[in-house]
């Protein structure tokens, strides 16, 4: 069950105590789960042994909503959190912390792309079985492996959507955004309940975002935050098709403070998750895509679970949705940002994800009478 948790990020590594030829690497999965990878090498430099184990660095689970709020605010005072339960049209909010504040959500924007794809499948414009082509101009660095596929190869809409949600594949997102088109994306933002769709107009692709933030033409993005929509579209058009090198991805500077991210509130994200869940009743394949992230918190009476996170320098957004066997839908969403010393957030991403999972568990237990 290791492979489905990838891609992994190396948080840190150190020499194995008492071993001249051993290392322990602390890995963070896309769930924020920490795992120790221990390996030793032989005298000829080859790997002699390796194994995975639960990390001793896993943060202690939170036992109350108050503890979750306190620990998140200790990471950053700029934190928003929303935990909700709903059943049969009745909604209960367990936690509401700055829930209307607009903050960056990074890769959680892919929920809106999925909404656009699902809408076109629903009206017959697309089929999950349709094939789309992988081309060099759609490849992006960052999360996902579709960028390694040969140009000219094909993938189904279904598999591209699963990659986009399951491993947050940026190349898959580029392909699907180009497939559905700008109008469908704008419609999905509205249909999924975003309170201010203009915040996602123009709707940037991962390729656009990397070009504006770490590409060779980043000077084009100067003044982005104060530019009108027409000017922003012209800036994106000026980027051309020059690829962004993976080596350019490392940065210790926050771009969201310049308006360069995808913006929403935790209320928007929770709403989008819930509306997508409602669409599953008419399209089971959509449910399979949403459940692509199969490893998650242990919850009693669980019937359905979906997860999406987003990260960028100075940004960590985490969203979880569960449906219990009695029909109760539980969502837990947090956005945490730093403006300066953004590398400090990298050391706490696992804790943020764990705390959001704790919030989902606590709310679910309240529903189950625990």
Protein backbone atom coordinates (compact mmCIF):
# COMPACT_ATOMS: atom_id res chain seq x y z
CA UNK A 1 0.00 0.00 0.00
CA UNK A 2 3.00 2.30 -0.37
CA UNK A 3 2.65 3.20 -4.06
CA UNK A 4 -0.85 4.79 -3.83
CA UNK A 5 0.43 7.25 -1.23
CA UNK A 6 2.87 8.86 -3.68
CA UNK A 7 4.22 11.13 -4.85
CA UNK A 8 6.45 11.57 -1.82
CA UNK A 9 8.47 14.60 -0.75
CA UNK A 10 11.71 14.17 1.17
CA UNK A 11 11.38 16.31 4.28
CA UNK A 12 14.87 15.53 5.58
CA UNK A 13 17.39 12.72 5.80
CA UNK A 14 20.15 11.69 8.16
CA UNK A 15 22.73 8.99 8.62
CA UNK A 16 21.45 5.83 10.26
CA UNK A 17 22.80 5.71 13.83
CA UNK A 18 25.57 3.14 14.15
CA UNK A 19 25.72 2.54 10.38
CA UNK A 20 28.38 4.02 8.12
CA UNK A 21 26.45 2.94 5.02
CA UNK A 22 22.86 3.66 6.10
CA UNK A 23 20.46 6.56 5.77
CA UNK A 24 16.97 7.34 7.06
CA UNK A 25 14.84 9.61 4.88
CA UNK A 26 11.67 11.16 6.26
CA UNK A 27 9.07 11.12 3.49
CA UNK A 28 5.78 13.02 3.37
CA UNK A 29 3.04 11.46 1.25
CA UNK A 30 0.42 13.39 -0.67
CA UNK A 31 -1.81 12.80 2.36
CA UNK A 32 0.71 14.48 4.63
CA UNK A 33 1.48 11.12 6.25
CA UNK A 34 5.09 10.78 7.42
CA UNK A 35 7.01 7.61 6.71
CA UNK A 36 10.63 6.66 7.38
CA UNK A 37 12.50 5.05 4.49
CA UNK A 38 15.57 3.29 5.87
CA UNK A 39 18.15 1.86 3.50
CA UNK A 40 21.72 0.59 3.65
CA UNK A 41 24.30 0.19 0.93
CA UNK A 42 26.87 -2.51 0.31
CA UNK A 43 30.58 -1.91 -0.14
CA UNK A 44 30.17 -1.65 -3.92
CA UNK A 45 27.70 1.22 -3.51
CA UNK A 46 24.55 -0.77 -4.33
CA UNK A 47 21.43 -0.81 -2.13
CA UNK A 48 21.72 -3.72 0.29
CA UNK A 49 18.40 -3.33 2.12
CA UNK A 50 15.52 -0.93 2.48
CA UNK A 51 12.21 -0.80 4.31
CA UNK A 52 9.37 1.56 5.18
CA UNK A 53 8.11 2.17 8.70
CA UNK A 54 5.76 4.59 10.41
CA UNK A 55 7.76 7.65 11.33
CA UNK A 56 8.43 8.63 14.91
CA UNK A 57 7.95 12.20 13.67
CA UNK A 58 4.19 11.77 13.14
CA UNK A 59 2.50 14.52 15.18
CA UNK A 60 0.27 13.56 18.08
CA UNK A 61 -3.39 13.45 17.02
CA UNK A 62 -5.62 16.24 18.23
CA UNK A 63 -8.51 15.32 20.49
CA UNK A 64 -10.71 18.42 20.24
CA UNK A 65 -11.65 21.18 17.83
CA UNK A 66 -10.16 23.76 20.19
CA UNK A 67 -6.82 21.97 20.08
CA UNK A 68 -6.95 21.84 16.29
CA UNK A 69 -7.62 25.57 16.03
CA UNK A 70 -4.88 26.39 18.53
CA UNK A 71 -2.26 24.27 16.78
CA UNK A 72 -3.13 25.62 13.33
CA UNK A 73 -2.92 29.21 14.57
CA UNK A 74 0.46 28.44 16.14
CA UNK A 75 1.69 27.49 12.68
CA UNK A 76 0.36 30.73 11.22
CA UNK A 77 -2.08 33.39 12.40
CA UNK A 78 -3.35 33.50 8.81
CA UNK A 79 -5.38 30.33 9.03
CA UNK A 80 -8.92 29.45 8.03
CA UNK A 81 -10.84 26.32 8.99
CA UNK A 82 -14.33 25.01 8.35
CA UNK A 83 -15.78 21.72 9.59
CA UNK A 84 -19.37 20.91 8.61
CA UNK A 85 -21.86 18.05 8.69
CA UNK A 86 -25.02 17.76 6.62
CA UNK A 87 -27.80 15.24 6.17
CA UNK A 88 -31.21 15.38 4.51
CA UNK A 89 -30.85 19.09 3.76
CA UNK A 90 -29.87 20.04 7.32
CA UNK A 91 -26.41 21.50 7.86
CA UNK A 92 -24.41 21.87 11.09
CA UNK A 93 -21.14 23.77 11.40
CA UNK A 94 -18.79 22.38 14.04
CA UNK A 95 -15.94 24.84 13.47
CA UNK A 96 -15.83 28.16 11.66
CA UNK A 97 -12.53 30.08 11.75
CA UNK A 98 -12.16 32.97 9.27
CA UNK A 99 -14.18 30.79 6.92
CA UNK A 100 -15.14 33.61 4.54
CA UNK A 101 -11.57 34.88 4.12
CA UNK A 102 -10.24 34.58 0.57
CA UNK A 103 -6.95 32.71 0.58
CA UNK A 104 -4.85 30.70 -1.90
CA UNK A 105 -5.87 27.07 -2.43
CA UNK A 106 -3.18 25.96 -4.92
CA UNK A 107 -4.00 22.55 -6.44
CA UNK A 108 -7.46 22.35 -4.89
CA UNK A 109 -8.50 24.36 -7.98
CA UNK A 110 -8.53 20.98 -9.73
CA UNK A 111 -11.91 20.26 -8.13
CA UNK A 112 -13.37 22.93 -10.42
CA UNK A 113 -11.67 21.38 -13.44
CA UNK A 114 -13.20 18.05 -12.46
CA UNK A 115 -16.58 19.77 -12.18
CA UNK A 116 -16.25 21.07 -15.74
CA UNK A 117 -15.30 17.62 -17.06
CA UNK A 118 -18.17 15.94 -15.19
CA UNK A 119 -20.66 18.51 -16.52
CA UNK A 120 -19.61 17.82 -20.11
CA UNK A 121 -19.83 14.08 -19.52
CA UNK A 122 -23.30 14.66 -18.12
CA UNK A 123 -24.55 16.58 -21.15
CA UNK A 124 -22.95 14.17 -23.64
CA UNK A 125 -20.22 16.50 -24.89
CA UNK A 126 -17.59 14.14 -23.49
CA UNK A 127 -17.33 10.51 -22.44
CA UNK A 128 -15.07 9.20 -19.71
CA UNK A 129 -13.82 6.75 -22.37
CA UNK A 130 -12.75 9.49 -24.81
CA UNK A 131 -9.03 9.57 -25.52
CA UNK A 132 -6.94 12.73 -25.25
CA UNK A 133 -3.41 13.19 -26.49
CA UNK A 134 -0.37 14.01 -24.39
CA UNK A 135 1.65 16.74 -26.10
CA UNK A 136 4.81 18.54 -25.07
CA UNK A 137 3.02 21.87 -24.81
CA UNK A 138 0.74 20.45 -22.08
CA UNK A 139 3.52 19.01 -19.92
CA UNK A 140 4.24 20.67 -16.59
CA UNK A 141 6.67 19.99 -13.76
CA UNK A 142 5.57 19.47 -10.19
CA UNK A 143 3.23 16.71 -9.08
CA UNK A 144 2.25 13.83 -11.32
CA UNK A 145 3.99 11.52 -13.78
CA UNK A 146 2.00 12.05 -16.98
CA UNK A 147 4.67 14.52 -18.08
CA UNK A 148 6.94 11.49 -18.60
CA UNK A 149 4.58 9.96 -21.18
CA UNK A 150 5.79 10.17 -24.79
CA UNK A 151 4.39 13.04 -26.81
CA UNK A 152 1.64 11.71 -29.06
CA UNK A 153 0.54 9.01 -26.61
CA UNK A 154 -3.08 8.92 -25.48
CA UNK A 155 -4.92 8.64 -22.19
CA UNK A 156 -8.63 8.40 -21.47
CA UNK A 157 -10.50 11.31 -19.94
CA UNK A 158 -11.26 9.03 -16.99
CA UNK A 159 -7.62 8.16 -16.35
CA UNK A 160 -6.54 11.78 -16.79
CA UNK A 161 -9.15 12.88 -14.25
CA UNK A 162 -8.03 10.18 -11.79
CA UNK A 163 -4.43 11.32 -12.19
CA UNK A 164 -5.42 14.96 -11.68
CA UNK A 165 -7.23 14.20 -8.43
CA UNK A 166 -5.37 11.13 -7.20
CA UNK A 167 -1.79 12.37 -7.65
CA UNK A 168 -2.59 16.03 -8.41
CA UNK A 169 -1.05 15.55 -11.85
CA UNK A 170 -0.38 18.97 -13.36
CA UNK A 171 -0.02 17.71 -16.91
CA UNK A 172 -3.39 15.95 -16.65
CA UNK A 173 -4.93 19.22 -15.45
CA UNK A 174 -3.45 21.11 -18.42
CA UNK A 175 -4.87 18.53 -20.84
CA UNK A 176 -8.35 18.52 -19.30
CA UNK A 177 -8.54 22.30 -19.04
CA UNK A 178 -7.69 22.64 -22.71
CA UNK A 179 -10.22 19.91 -23.54
CA UNK A 180 -13.24 21.47 -21.81
CA UNK A 181 -12.39 25.07 -22.62
CA UNK A 182 -12.59 28.39 -20.83
CA UNK A 183 -16.37 28.75 -20.88
CA UNK A 184 -16.93 25.34 -19.26
CA UNK A 185 -14.38 26.15 -16.56
CA UNK A 186 -16.07 29.46 -15.77
CA UNK A 187 -19.44 27.73 -15.63
CA UNK A 188 -18.08 25.07 -13.25
CA UNK A 189 -16.75 27.72 -10.88
CA UNK A 190 -20.26 29.17 -10.69
CA UNK A 191 -22.06 25.83 -10.52
CA UNK A 192 -19.86 24.56 -7.70
CA UNK A 193 -20.75 27.59 -5.63
CA UNK A 194 -17.70 29.87 -5.62
CA UNK A 195 -18.82 33.13 -3.98
CA UNK A 196 -16.81 35.33 -6.39
CA UNK A 197 -16.06 33.61 -9.73
CA UNK A 198 -14.06 36.64 -10.90
CA UNK A 199 -11.27 35.48 -8.59
CA UNK A 200 -10.74 32.55 -10.98
CA UNK A 201 -11.02 34.55 -14.19
CA UNK A 202 -8.81 34.08 -16.09
CA UNK A 203 -8.62 30.50 -14.90
CA UNK A 204 -4.91 29.75 -14.99
CA UNK A 205 -3.59 26.30 -15.86
CA UNK A 206 -0.62 24.85 -13.99
CA UNK A 207 1.47 25.61 -17.05
CA UNK A 208 0.36 29.25 -16.94
CA UNK A 209 1.09 29.50 -13.22
CA UNK A 210 4.57 28.03 -13.50
CA UNK A 211 5.32 30.35 -16.42
CA UNK A 212 4.30 33.37 -14.33
CA UNK A 213 6.11 32.32 -11.14
CA UNK A 214 9.24 30.35 -12.01
CA UNK A 215 9.55 30.52 -15.80
CA UNK A 216 11.94 32.68 -17.78
CA UNK A 217 9.37 35.43 -18.30
CA UNK A 218 8.38 36.08 -14.70
CA UNK A 219 8.83 39.81 -15.21
CA UNK A 220 5.63 39.69 -17.26
CA UNK A 221 3.72 39.01 -14.04
CA UNK A 222 4.74 42.27 -12.37
CA UNK A 223 1.58 44.05 -11.30
CA UNK A 224 -0.57 40.93 -11.75
CA UNK A 225 -2.54 41.49 -8.55
CA UNK A 226 -3.76 44.93 -9.64
CA UNK A 227 -4.29 44.13 -13.33
CA UNK A 228 -7.76 43.82 -14.86
CA UNK A 229 -8.91 40.62 -16.56
CA UNK A 230 -8.05 41.82 -20.07
CA UNK A 231 -4.50 42.71 -19.01
CA UNK A 232 -4.08 39.37 -17.26
CA UNK A 233 -5.16 37.50 -20.37
CA UNK A 234 -2.60 39.46 -22.39
CA UNK A 235 0.11 38.59 -19.86
CA UNK A 236 -0.71 34.88 -20.10
CA UNK A 237 -0.71 35.06 -23.90
CA UNK A 238 2.77 36.63 -23.81
CA UNK A 239 4.27 33.65 -22.01
CA UNK A 240 4.45 31.54 -25.16
CA UNK A 241 5.11 27.82 -25.05
CA UNK A 242 8.58 27.75 -23.53
CA UNK A 243 8.71 24.87 -21.04
CA UNK A 244 9.46 25.41 -17.37
CA UNK A 245 12.45 23.39 -16.22
CA UNK A 246 11.88 21.23 -13.12
CA UNK A 247 15.05 22.70 -11.59
CA UNK A 248 13.27 26.06 -11.43
CA UNK A 249 10.56 24.72 -9.15
CA UNK A 250 12.45 25.26 -5.89
CA UNK A 251 11.66 28.64 -4.39
CA UNK A 252 11.72 30.25 -0.97
CA UNK A 253 9.51 33.13 -2.07
CA UNK A 254 5.73 33.30 -1.69
CA UNK A 255 3.97 34.08 -4.98
CA UNK A 256 0.45 34.20 -3.58
CA UNK A 257 1.16 37.62 -2.06
CA UNK A 258 1.40 38.90 -5.66
CA UNK A 259 -1.98 37.39 -6.49
CA UNK A 260 -0.39 34.41 -8.19
CA UNK A 261 -2.37 31.38 -7.07
CA UNK A 262 -5.96 30.18 -7.29
CA UNK A 263 -8.11 31.91 -4.66
CA UNK A 264 -11.17 30.83 -2.70
CA UNK A 265 -12.41 30.55 0.87
CA UNK A 266 -12.80 27.37 2.88
CA UNK A 267 -16.55 27.90 2.44
CA UNK A 268 -16.09 27.81 -1.34
CA UNK A 269 -13.99 24.65 -1.18
CA UNK A 270 -16.42 22.87 1.14
CA UNK A 271 -19.29 23.83 -1.14
CA UNK A 272 -17.47 22.57 -4.23
CA UNK A 273 -16.77 19.22 -2.59
CA UNK A 274 -20.40 18.83 -1.54
CA UNK A 275 -21.80 19.72 -4.95
CA UNK A 276 -19.45 17.26 -6.65
CA UNK A 277 -20.66 14.59 -4.24
CA UNK A 278 -24.27 15.31 -5.26
CA UNK A 279 -23.30 14.79 -8.90
CA UNK A 280 -22.04 11.28 -8.11
CA UNK A 281 -25.61 9.94 -7.82
CA UNK A 282 -25.97 10.45 -11.58
CA UNK A 283 -22.39 9.53 -12.47
CA UNK A 284 -20.68 6.74 -10.47
CA UNK A 285 -17.49 7.23 -12.49
CA UNK A 286 -17.18 10.68 -10.95
CA UNK A 287 -17.29 9.03 -7.54
CA UNK A 288 -14.44 6.73 -8.54
CA UNK A 289 -12.38 9.75 -9.57
CA UNK A 290 -13.08 11.53 -6.30
CA UNK A 291 -12.05 8.44 -4.37
CA UNK A 292 -8.74 8.18 -6.24
CA UNK A 293 -6.97 9.13 -3.01
CA UNK A 294 -7.68 5.80 -1.37
CA UNK A 295 -5.58 6.13 1.79
CA UNK A 296 -7.10 8.33 4.46
CA UNK A 297 -8.10 8.66 8.08
CA UNK A 298 -9.86 5.73 9.72
CA UNK A 299 -13.52 6.63 10.27
CA UNK A 300 -16.29 4.41 11.61
CA UNK A 301 -19.28 3.74 9.35
CA UNK A 302 -17.47 5.24 6.35
CA UNK A 303 -19.11 4.89 2.94
CA UNK A 304 -17.15 7.39 0.82
CA UNK A 305 -13.95 9.42 1.28
CA UNK A 306 -12.23 12.00 -0.88
CA UNK A 307 -9.20 14.19 -0.31
CA UNK A 308 -7.55 17.08 -2.13
CA UNK A 309 -4.70 19.27 -1.06
CA UNK A 310 -2.71 22.10 -2.54
CA UNK A 311 0.70 23.44 -1.71
CA UNK A 312 3.00 26.19 -2.93
CA UNK A 313 5.66 28.32 -1.27
CA UNK A 314 3.92 29.72 1.80
CA UNK A 315 0.65 27.87 1.09
CA UNK A 316 -0.92 24.70 2.46
CA UNK A 317 -4.57 23.95 1.74
CA UNK A 318 -6.15 20.64 2.75
CA UNK A 319 -9.70 19.41 2.17
CA UNK A 320 -11.39 16.16 3.16
CA UNK A 321 -14.93 14.94 2.51
CA UNK A 322 -16.50 11.81 3.95
CA UNK A 323 -19.96 10.33 3.58
CA UNK A 324 -21.08 8.00 6.34
CA UNK A 325 -23.35 5.01 5.90
CA UNK A 326 -26.30 6.98 7.33
CA UNK A 327 -25.94 9.57 4.54
CA UNK A 328 -24.22 12.24 6.61
CA UNK A 329 -21.64 14.22 4.62
CA UNK A 330 -18.73 15.60 6.63
CA UNK A 331 -16.21 18.10 5.28
CA UNK A 332 -13.09 19.55 6.87
CA UNK A 333 -11.14 22.26 5.04
CA UNK A 334 -8.18 24.38 6.12
CA UNK A 335 -6.01 27.00 4.46
CA UNK A 336 -2.76 28.06 6.09
CA UNK A 337 -0.41 30.68 4.64
CA UNK A 338 2.87 32.41 5.44
CA UNK A 339 4.13 35.58 3.82
CA UNK A 340 7.76 35.40 4.96
CA UNK A 341 10.14 32.59 5.88
CA UNK A 342 7.92 30.32 3.82
CA UNK A 343 10.31 27.39 4.14
CA UNK A 344 9.09 27.03 7.74
CA UNK A 345 5.74 25.86 6.39
CA UNK A 346 7.42 22.92 4.66
CA UNK A 347 8.25 21.49 8.07
CA UNK A 348 4.63 21.68 9.21
CA UNK A 349 2.65 20.53 6.16
CA UNK A 350 2.31 17.04 7.61
CA UNK A 351 0.92 18.45 10.84
CA UNK A 352 -1.63 20.59 8.99
CA UNK A 353 -2.90 17.63 6.98
CA UNK A 354 -3.04 15.49 10.11
CA UNK A 355 -5.00 18.13 12.00
CA UNK A 356 -7.57 18.43 9.20
CA UNK A 357 -7.93 14.63 9.23
CA UNK A 358 -8.38 14.81 13.02
CA UNK A 359 -11.15 17.38 12.53
CA UNK A 360 -12.92 15.05 10.11
CA UNK A 361 -12.64 12.15 12.55
CA UNK A 362 -13.94 14.17 15.49
CA UNK A 363 -16.93 15.48 13.51
CA UNK A 364 -17.69 11.99 12.23
CA UNK A 365 -17.64 10.58 15.75
CA UNK A 366 -20.14 13.23 16.85
CA UNK A 367 -22.44 12.07 14.07
CA UNK A 368 -22.00 8.45 15.14
CA UNK A 369 -22.67 9.33 18.75
CA UNK A 370 -19.06 8.82 19.81
